[in-house]
Amino acid sequence: MDKRFWTFISYILHPLFMPTIGTFIVLWNDPALFISLNYITPWLIIMGSVFSCTVLLPLIFSWALLKMERISSLEQPTENDRRTLMVFAEMGFLLTYLAFHNIPNLGRSLSLFMLGINIAMIATLAASFIKRISFHATGIGGVLGTVIGLAYYTRLDLKYWICGAIVLAWSAGYARYRLRAHDTFEIYLGYIVGILSLSLVFIIGAK
């Protein structure tokens, strides 16, 4: 498959989309949330809020940073550029957590998920000062970690969701490898950070 295909995969599995995807997974698979939010309006409000904070806001920040020449490129960012972009993306992630974690009617699983994505982001940023790490792998690893953690948290059989998340994780990682954006160690390191951050918050939170 040619470079354009793997570039397309890299874009549609961009880490900024992972919080929105993860939110849908939590809403769909936590029975307490699924039953209490049995109208489309609450779903749209929650999904729209998460998308605005974790996709639109970081994109606005990225555009502003580029215009102010605080970063050199969005297509081929330097390591300093990547860290700067992650810091500003984390602002949107943190805003999402603060917006949702104290709302009783939303249940604890969504709050745990928001906490997990912030832990994953901060861990990725910290690790990047020591070793380059794939943010794509962290993001998609977080989706896999979310499904694994939810299976423990809800005691539901989510094996098909886990299989689907594994396929997506492989696709994102292989796309980054084929595009020579990261080597295998950087990709696996991202997987580890994402999977552990999200799965452990649910496992610990269930106790």
C-alpha atoms as a PDB file:
ATOM      1  CA  MET A   1       0.000   0.000   0.000  1.00  0.00           C
ATOM      2  CA  ASP A   2       1.294   3.434  -0.867  1.00  0.00           C
ATOM      3  CA  LYS A   3       2.165   6.348   1.330  1.00  0.00           C
ATOM      4  CA  ARG A   4      -1.131   8.145   0.748  1.00  0.00           C
ATOM      5  CA  PHE A   5      -3.115   5.285   2.293  1.00  0.00           C
ATOM      6  CA  TRP A   6      -1.006   5.201   5.464  1.00  0.00           C
ATOM      7  CA  THR A   7      -1.135   9.001   5.657  1.00  0.00           C
ATOM      8  CA  PHE A   8      -4.927   8.771   5.523  1.00  0.00           C
ATOM      9  CA  ILE A   9      -4.926   6.160   8.309  1.00  0.00           C
ATOM     10  CA  SER A  10      -2.609   8.380  10.338  1.00  0.00           C
ATOM     11  CA  TYR A  11      -5.000  11.312   9.988  1.00  0.00           C
ATOM     12  CA  ILE A  12      -8.241   9.480  10.825  1.00  0.00           C
ATOM     13  CA  LEU A  13      -6.596   7.836  13.846  1.00  0.00           C
ATOM     14  CA  HIS A  14      -5.048  11.081  15.029  1.00  0.00           C
ATOM     15  CA  PRO A  15      -4.624  11.149  18.825  1.00  0.00           C
ATOM     16  CA  LEU A  16      -6.837  14.229  19.172  1.00  0.00           C
ATOM     17  CA  PHE A  17      -9.817  12.123  18.052  1.00  0.00           C
ATOM     18  CA  MET A  18      -9.199   9.446  20.667  1.00  0.00           C
ATOM     19  CA  PRO A  19     -10.898  11.212  23.621  1.00  0.00           C
ATOM     20  CA  THR A  20     -14.093  11.553  21.581  1.00  0.00           C
ATOM     21  CA  ILE A  21     -13.930   7.908  20.487  1.00  0.00           C
ATOM     22  CA  GLY A  22     -13.183   6.830  24.055  1.00  0.00           C
ATOM     23  CA  THR A  23     -16.100   8.874  25.391  1.00  0.00           C
ATOM     24  CA  PHE A  24     -18.467   7.084  23.009  1.00  0.00           C
ATOM     25  CA  ILE A  25     -17.088   3.721  24.148  1.00  0.00           C
ATOM     26  CA  VAL A  26     -17.642   4.618  27.813  1.00  0.00           C
ATOM     27  CA  LEU A  27     -21.165   5.942  27.227  1.00  0.00           C
ATOM     28  CA  TRP A  28     -22.122   2.877  25.197  1.00  0.00           C
ATOM     29  CA  ASN A  29     -20.630   0.205  27.441  1.00  0.00           C
ATOM     30  CA  ASP A  30     -21.305   1.454  30.966  1.00  0.00           C
ATOM     31  CA  PRO A  31     -24.882   0.256  31.680  1.00  0.00           C
ATOM     32  CA  ALA A  32     -25.409   2.955  34.327  1.00  0.00           C
ATOM     33  CA  LEU A  33     -24.616   5.711  31.823  1.00  0.00           C
ATOM     34  CA  PHE A  34     -26.355   4.069  28.878  1.00  0.00           C
ATOM     35  CA  ILE A  35     -29.622   3.724  30.815  1.00  0.00           C
ATOM     36  CA  SER A  36     -29.535   7.160  32.458  1.00  0.00           C
ATOM     37  CA  LEU A  37     -28.649   8.937  29.198  1.00  0.00           C
ATOM     38  CA  ASN A  38     -31.361   7.288  27.134  1.00  0.00           C
ATOM     39  CA  TYR A  39     -32.039  10.367  24.998  1.00  0.00           C
ATOM     40  CA  ILE A  40     -29.954  11.586  22.104  1.00  0.00           C
ATOM     41  CA  THR A  41     -29.634  15.153  23.447  1.00  0.00           C
ATOM     42  CA  PRO A  42     -27.396  14.301  26.464  1.00  0.00           C
ATOM     43  CA  TRP A  43     -25.215  12.140  24.186  1.00  0.00           C
ATOM     44  CA  LEU A  44     -24.806  14.997  21.707  1.00  0.00           C
ATOM     45  CA  ILE A  45     -24.014  17.499  24.467  1.00  0.00           C
ATOM     46  CA  ILE A  46     -21.371  15.257  26.035  1.00  0.00           C
ATOM     47  CA  MET A  47     -19.783  14.168  22.744  1.00  0.00           C
ATOM     48  CA  GLY A  48     -19.879  17.722  21.378  1.00  0.00           C
ATOM     49  CA  SER A  49     -18.279  19.136  24.527  1.00  0.00           C
ATOM     50  CA  VAL A  50     -15.481  16.570  24.483  1.00  0.00           C
ATOM     51  CA  PHE A  51     -14.865  17.124  20.758  1.00  0.00           C
ATOM     52  CA  SER A  52     -14.759  20.898  21.227  1.00  0.00           C
ATOM     53  CA  CYS A  53     -12.267  20.742  24.108  1.00  0.00           C
ATOM     54  CA  THR A  54      -9.988  17.991  22.801  1.00  0.00           C
ATOM     55  CA  VAL A  55     -10.076  18.581  19.043  1.00  0.00           C
ATOM     56  CA  LEU A  56     -11.275  22.074  18.131  1.00  0.00           C
ATOM     57  CA  LEU A  57      -9.515  23.912  20.964  1.00  0.00           C
ATOM     58  CA  PRO A  58      -6.094  22.271  20.353  1.00  0.00           C
ATOM     59  CA  LEU A  59      -6.470  22.952  16.615  1.00  0.00           C
ATOM     60  CA  ILE A  60      -7.124  26.623  17.334  1.00  0.00           C
ATOM     61  CA  PHE A  61      -4.115  26.708  19.650  1.00  0.00           C
ATOM     62  CA  SER A  62      -1.979  25.003  16.990  1.00  0.00           C
ATOM     63  CA  TRP A  63      -3.024  27.487  14.313  1.00  0.00           C
ATOM     64  CA  ALA A  64      -2.324  30.423  16.652  1.00  0.00           C
ATOM     65  CA  LEU A  65       1.086  29.048  17.637  1.00  0.00           C
ATOM     66  CA  LEU A  66       2.011  28.609  13.986  1.00  0.00           C
ATOM     67  CA  LYS A  67       0.905  32.137  13.115  1.00  0.00           C
ATOM     68  CA  MET A  68       2.861  33.554  16.047  1.00  0.00           C
ATOM     69  CA  GLU A  69       5.880  31.472  14.929  1.00  0.00           C
ATOM     70  CA  ARG A  70       6.055  29.695  18.280  1.00  0.00           C
ATOM     71  CA  ILE A  71       6.277  26.448  16.312  1.00  0.00           C
ATOM     72  CA  SER A  72       7.930  25.904  12.950  1.00  0.00           C
ATOM     73  CA  SER A  73       5.561  23.405  11.321  1.00  0.00           C
ATOM     74  CA  LEU A  74       2.455  21.294  11.862  1.00  0.00           C
ATOM     75  CA  GLU A  75       3.351  18.777   9.155  1.00  0.00           C
ATOM     76  CA  GLN A  76       6.931  18.121  10.272  1.00  0.00           C
ATOM     77  CA  PRO A  77       7.244  19.501  13.800  1.00  0.00           C
ATOM     78  CA  THR A  78      10.504  19.451  15.696  1.00  0.00           C
ATOM     79  CA  GLU A  79      10.679  17.811  19.140  1.00  0.00           C
ATOM     80  CA  ASN A  80      10.242  21.217  20.768  1.00  0.00           C
ATOM     81  CA  ASP A  81       7.254  21.867  18.501  1.00  0.00           C
ATOM     82  CA  ARG A  82       5.703  18.518  19.508  1.00  0.00           C
ATOM     83  CA  ARG A  83       6.113  19.280  23.210  1.00  0.00           C
ATOM     84  CA  THR A  84       4.627  22.754  22.786  1.00  0.00           C
ATOM     85  CA  LEU A  85       1.642  21.324  20.906  1.00  0.00           C
ATOM     86  CA  MET A  86       1.145  18.651  23.585  1.00  0.00           C
ATOM     87  CA  VAL A  87       1.192  21.256  26.353  1.00  0.00           C
ATOM     88  CA  PHE A  88      -1.547  23.268  24.686  1.00  0.00           C
ATOM     89  CA  ALA A  89      -3.538  20.129  23.829  1.00  0.00           C
ATOM     90  CA  GLU A  90      -3.310  19.133  27.505  1.00  0.00           C
ATOM     91  CA  MET A  91      -5.072  22.398  28.387  1.00  0.00           C
ATOM     92  CA  GLY A  92      -8.088  21.218  26.429  1.00  0.00           C
ATOM     93  CA  PHE A  93      -7.867  17.727  27.963  1.00  0.00           C
ATOM     94  CA  LEU A  94      -7.683  19.204  31.465  1.00  0.00           C
ATOM     95  CA  LEU A  95     -10.654  21.460  30.752  1.00  0.00           C
ATOM     96  CA  THR A  96     -12.650  18.390  29.745  1.00  0.00           C
ATOM     97  CA  TYR A  97     -11.805  16.627  32.995  1.00  0.00           C
ATOM     98  CA  LEU A  98     -12.703  19.669  35.107  1.00  0.00           C
ATOM     99  CA  ALA A  99     -15.979  20.089  33.206  1.00  0.00           C
ATOM    100  CA  PHE A 100     -17.218  16.554  33.782  1.00  0.00           C
ATOM    101  CA  HIS A 101     -15.702  14.966  36.855  1.00  0.00           C
ATOM    102  CA  ASN A 102     -17.969  16.647  39.432  1.00  0.00           C
ATOM    103  CA  ILE A 103     -21.296  16.088  37.658  1.00  0.00           C
ATOM    104  CA  PRO A 104     -23.032  13.336  39.723  1.00  0.00           C
ATOM    105  CA  ASN A 105     -25.528  12.308  37.048  1.00  0.00           C
ATOM    106  CA  LEU A 106     -22.782  11.350  34.590  1.00  0.00           C
ATOM    107  CA  GLY A 107     -21.440   8.505  36.697  1.00  0.00           C
ATOM    108  CA  ARG A 108     -17.902   7.713  37.755  1.00  0.00           C
ATOM    109  CA  SER A 109     -16.719   5.871  34.642  1.00  0.00           C
ATOM    110  CA  LEU A 110     -16.690   9.015  32.502  1.00  0.00           C
ATOM    111  CA  SER A 111     -14.743  10.876  35.177  1.00  0.00           C
ATOM    112  CA  LEU A 112     -12.225   8.026  35.353  1.00  0.00           C
ATOM    113  CA  PHE A 113     -11.824   8.105  31.585  1.00  0.00           C
ATOM    114  CA  MET A 114     -11.182  11.864  31.618  1.00  0.00           C
ATOM    115  CA  LEU A 115      -8.610  11.367  34.372  1.00  0.00           C
ATOM    116  CA  GLY A 116      -6.937   8.599  32.366  1.00  0.00           C
ATOM    117  CA  ILE A 117      -6.523  10.642  29.197  1.00  0.00           C
ATOM    118  CA  ASN A 118      -4.890  13.428  31.204  1.00  0.00           C
ATOM    119  CA  ILE A 119      -2.510  10.980  32.860  1.00  0.00           C
ATOM    120  CA  ALA A 120      -1.635   9.538  29.431  1.00  0.00           C
ATOM    121  CA  MET A 121      -1.008  13.003  27.985  1.00  0.00           C
ATOM    122  CA  ILE A 122       1.181  14.140  30.876  1.00  0.00           C
ATOM    123  CA  ALA A 123       3.108  10.845  30.865  1.00  0.00           C
ATOM    124  CA  THR A 124       3.706  11.164  27.114  1.00  0.00           C
ATOM    125  CA  LEU A 125       4.926  14.724  27.520  1.00  0.00           C
ATOM    126  CA  ALA A 126       7.256  13.748  30.385  1.00  0.00           C
ATOM    127  CA  ALA A 127       8.615  10.719  28.501  1.00  0.00           C
ATOM    128  CA  SER A 128       9.320  12.862  25.431  1.00  0.00           C
ATOM    129  CA  PHE A 129      12.093  14.670  27.336  1.00  0.00           C
ATOM    130  CA  ILE A 130      13.902  11.345  27.715  1.00  0.00           C
ATOM    131  CA  LYS A 131      12.942   9.420  24.576  1.00  0.00           C
ATOM    132  CA  ARG A 132      10.886  10.273  21.509  1.00  0.00           C
ATOM    133  CA  ILE A 133       7.455   8.644  21.813  1.00  0.00           C
ATOM    134  CA  SER A 134       4.593   8.111  19.375  1.00  0.00           C
ATOM    135  CA  PHE A 135       1.627  10.260  20.386  1.00  0.00           C
ATOM    136  CA  HIS A 136      -0.509   8.302  17.903  1.00  0.00           C
ATOM    137  CA  ALA A 137       0.376   5.071  19.689  1.00  0.00           C
ATOM    138  CA  THR A 138      -0.409   6.615  23.072  1.00  0.00           C
ATOM    139  CA  GLY A 139      -3.802   7.774  21.826  1.00  0.00           C
ATOM    140  CA  ILE A 140      -4.891   4.517  20.245  1.00  0.00           C
ATOM    141  CA  GLY A 141      -3.321   2.573  23.110  1.00  0.00           C
ATOM    142  CA  GLY A 142      -5.548   4.638  25.370  1.00  0.00           C
ATOM    143  CA  VAL A 143      -8.607   3.440  23.443  1.00  0.00           C
ATOM    144  CA  LEU A 144      -7.508  -0.163  23.927  1.00  0.00           C
ATOM    145  CA  GLY A 145      -6.777   0.520  27.591  1.00  0.00           C
ATOM    146  CA  THR A 146     -10.237   2.064  27.969  1.00  0.00           C
ATOM    147  CA  VAL A 147     -11.964  -1.051  26.648  1.00  0.00           C
ATOM    148  CA  ILE A 148      -9.816  -3.350  28.799  1.00  0.00           C
ATOM    149  CA  GLY A 149     -10.452  -1.200  31.881  1.00  0.00           C
ATOM    150  CA  LEU A 150     -14.184  -0.972  31.188  1.00  0.00           C
ATOM    151  CA  ALA A 151     -14.414  -4.754  30.873  1.00  0.00           C
ATOM    152  CA  TYR A 152     -13.048  -4.991  34.422  1.00  0.00           C
ATOM    153  CA  TYR A 153     -15.032  -2.002  35.720  1.00  0.00           C
ATOM    154  CA  THR A 154     -18.420  -3.133  34.370  1.00  0.00           C
ATOM    155  CA  ARG A 155     -17.755  -6.914  34.455  1.00  0.00           C
ATOM    156  CA  LEU A 156     -19.108  -7.077  30.903  1.00  0.00           C
ATOM    157  CA  ASP A 157     -17.830  -9.275  28.066  1.00  0.00           C
ATOM    158  CA  LEU A 158     -16.214  -6.722  25.753  1.00  0.00           C
ATOM    159  CA  LYS A 159     -14.023  -9.112  23.775  1.00  0.00           C
ATOM    160  CA  TYR A 160     -15.301  -7.862  20.404  1.00  0.00           C
ATOM    161  CA  TRP A 161     -14.595  -4.271  21.401  1.00  0.00           C
ATOM    162  CA  ILE A 162     -11.129  -5.329  22.545  1.00  0.00           C
ATOM    163  CA  CYS A 163     -10.484  -7.073  19.225  1.00  0.00           C
ATOM    164  CA  GLY A 164     -11.606  -3.972  17.321  1.00  0.00           C
ATOM    165  CA  ALA A 165      -9.372  -1.741  19.441  1.00  0.00           C
ATOM    166  CA  ILE A 166      -6.405  -4.051  18.793  1.00  0.00           C
ATOM    167  CA  VAL A 167      -6.989  -3.777  15.031  1.00  0.00           C
ATOM    168  CA  LEU A 168      -7.106   0.017  15.265  1.00  0.00           C
ATOM    169  CA  ALA A 169      -3.977   0.062  17.437  1.00  0.00           C
ATOM    170  CA  TRP A 170      -2.091  -2.082  14.934  1.00  0.00           C
ATOM    171  CA  SER A 171      -3.286   0.112  12.049  1.00  0.00           C
ATOM    172  CA  ALA A 172      -2.196   3.362  13.709  1.00  0.00           C
ATOM    173  CA  GLY A 173       1.159   1.971  14.811  1.00  0.00           C
ATOM    174  CA  TYR A 174       1.938   0.397  11.454  1.00  0.00           C
ATOM    175  CA  ALA A 175       0.942   3.597   9.646  1.00  0.00           C
ATOM    176  CA  ARG A 176       3.400   5.617  11.734  1.00  0.00           C
ATOM    177  CA  TYR A 177       6.082   2.996  11.120  1.00  0.00           C
ATOM    178  CA  ARG A 178       5.494   2.918   7.347  1.00  0.00           C
ATOM    179  CA  LEU A 179       5.585   6.715   7.213  1.00  0.00           C
ATOM    180  CA  ARG A 180       8.906   6.565   9.108  1.00  0.00           C
ATOM    181  CA  ALA A 181       7.518   8.936  11.712  1.00  0.00           C
ATOM    182  CA  HIS A 182       8.631   6.598  14.519  1.00  0.00           C
ATOM    183  CA  ASP A 183      10.623   3.452  15.049  1.00  0.00           C
ATOM    184  CA  THR A 184       9.156   0.342  16.684  1.00  0.00           C
ATOM    185  CA  PHE A 185      10.409   1.181  20.176  1.00  0.00           C
ATOM    186  CA  GLU A 186       8.775   4.624  20.106  1.00  0.00           C
ATOM    187  CA  ILE A 187       5.512   3.060  18.948  1.00  0.00           C
ATOM    188  CA  TYR A 188       5.546   0.316  21.586  1.00  0.00           C
ATOM    189  CA  LEU A 189       6.415   2.877  24.247  1.00  0.00           C
ATOM    190  CA  GLY A 190       3.336   4.866  23.224  1.00  0.00           C
ATOM    191  CA  TYR A 191       1.180   1.742  23.401  1.00  0.00           C
ATOM    192  CA  ILE A 192       2.426   0.982  26.911  1.00  0.00           C
ATOM    193  CA  VAL A 193       1.751   4.508  28.184  1.00  0.00           C
ATOM    194  CA  GLY A 194      -1.738   4.636  26.663  1.00  0.00           C
ATOM    195  CA  ILE A 195      -2.846   1.143  27.679  1.00  0.00           C
ATOM    196  CA  LEU A 196      -1.550   1.377  31.243  1.00  0.00           C
ATOM    197  CA  SER A 197      -2.837   4.914  31.873  1.00  0.00           C
ATOM    198  CA  LEU A 198      -6.408   4.147  30.854  1.00  0.00           C
ATOM    199  CA  SER A 199      -6.768   0.553  32.014  1.00  0.00           C
ATOM    200  CA  LEU A 200      -5.313   1.186  35.474  1.00  0.00           C
ATOM    201  CA  VAL A 201      -7.605   4.128  36.279  1.00  0.00           C
ATOM    202  CA  PHE A 202     -10.626   1.894  35.698  1.00  0.00           C
ATOM    203  CA  ILE A 203      -9.138  -1.073  37.553  1.00  0.00           C
ATOM    204  CA  ILE A 204      -8.148   1.055  40.551  1.00  0.00           C
ATOM    205  CA  GLY A 205     -11.383   3.057  40.356  1.00  0.00           C
ATOM    206  CA  ALA A 206     -13.483  -0.099  40.513  1.00  0.00           C
ATOM    207  CA  LYS A 207     -12.151  -0.922  44.000  1.00  0.00           C
END
